[in-house]
């Protein structure tokens, strides 16, 4: 992830369908934000009003 973030990528989502979790990496954070199985992923600064409900991925 560090390579992507150091080359201008604003946000990286790593979604694990086995663990039912997602990790959000951003250049301004030293560690990722972990989102649980029922969480919602958003990136208001890049995609206003976009929401990805993780629970919909596990169906």
Protein backbone atom coordinates (compact mmCIF):
# COMPACT_ATOMS: atom_id res chain seq x y z
CA UNK A 1 0.00 0.00 0.00
CA UNK A 2 2.84 2.38 0.74
CA UNK A 3 3.92 2.34 -2.92
CA UNK A 4 0.47 3.39 -4.10
CA UNK A 5 0.08 6.07 -1.45
CA UNK A 6 3.55 7.50 -2.06
CA UNK A 7 2.72 7.82 -5.76
CA UNK A 8 -0.32 10.02 -5.32
CA UNK A 9 -3.14 7.57 -4.66
CA UNK A 10 -5.55 9.24 -2.21
CA UNK A 11 -7.25 6.16 -0.75
CA UNK A 12 -6.76 2.39 -0.94
CA UNK A 13 -9.45 -0.07 0.10
CA UNK A 14 -8.34 -3.61 0.88
CA UNK A 15 -11.42 -5.84 1.16
CA UNK A 16 -11.09 -9.37 2.53
CA UNK A 17 -14.12 -11.54 1.70
CA UNK A 18 -12.93 -14.32 4.00
CA UNK A 19 -12.60 -12.17 7.12
CA UNK A 20 -15.52 -9.91 6.14
CA UNK A 21 -13.46 -6.80 6.83
CA UNK A 22 -12.00 -3.88 4.94
CA UNK A 23 -8.95 -1.74 5.60
CA UNK A 24 -8.80 1.85 4.43
CA UNK A 25 -5.35 3.28 3.81
CA UNK A 26 -4.75 7.02 3.34
CA UNK A 27 -1.50 8.97 3.03
CA UNK A 28 -2.21 11.03 6.16
CA UNK A 29 -2.65 8.04 8.49
CA UNK A 30 0.10 5.85 9.93
CA UNK A 31 -2.22 2.85 10.23
CA UNK A 32 -5.31 1.75 8.31
CA UNK A 33 -8.87 2.20 9.45
CA UNK A 34 -10.56 -1.18 9.90
CA UNK A 35 -14.20 -1.53 8.88
CA UNK A 36 -16.18 -4.54 10.11
CA UNK A 37 -18.61 -6.78 8.26
CA UNK A 38 -21.59 -4.45 8.73
CA UNK A 39 -19.67 -1.24 8.06
CA UNK A 40 -20.02 1.26 5.25
CA UNK A 41 -17.13 2.47 3.11
CA UNK A 42 -17.20 6.11 2.01
CA UNK A 43 -14.77 8.54 0.44
CA UNK A 44 -16.58 11.87 0.56
CA UNK A 45 -13.58 13.83 -0.71
CA UNK A 46 -13.31 11.69 -3.86
CA UNK A 47 -16.83 10.31 -4.41
CA UNK A 48 -19.44 12.48 -2.67
CA UNK A 49 -22.59 10.56 -1.66
CA UNK A 50 -21.05 7.18 -2.55
CA UNK A 51 -21.49 4.42 0.02
CA UNK A 52 -20.52 0.77 -0.16
CA UNK A 53 -22.30 -1.36 2.42
CA UNK A 54 -19.95 -4.23 3.16
CA UNK A 55 -22.83 -6.50 4.20
CA UNK A 56 -24.01 -6.44 0.57
CA UNK A 57 -20.72 -8.03 -0.52
CA UNK A 58 -21.11 -11.05 1.74
CA UNK A 59 -24.47 -12.18 0.33
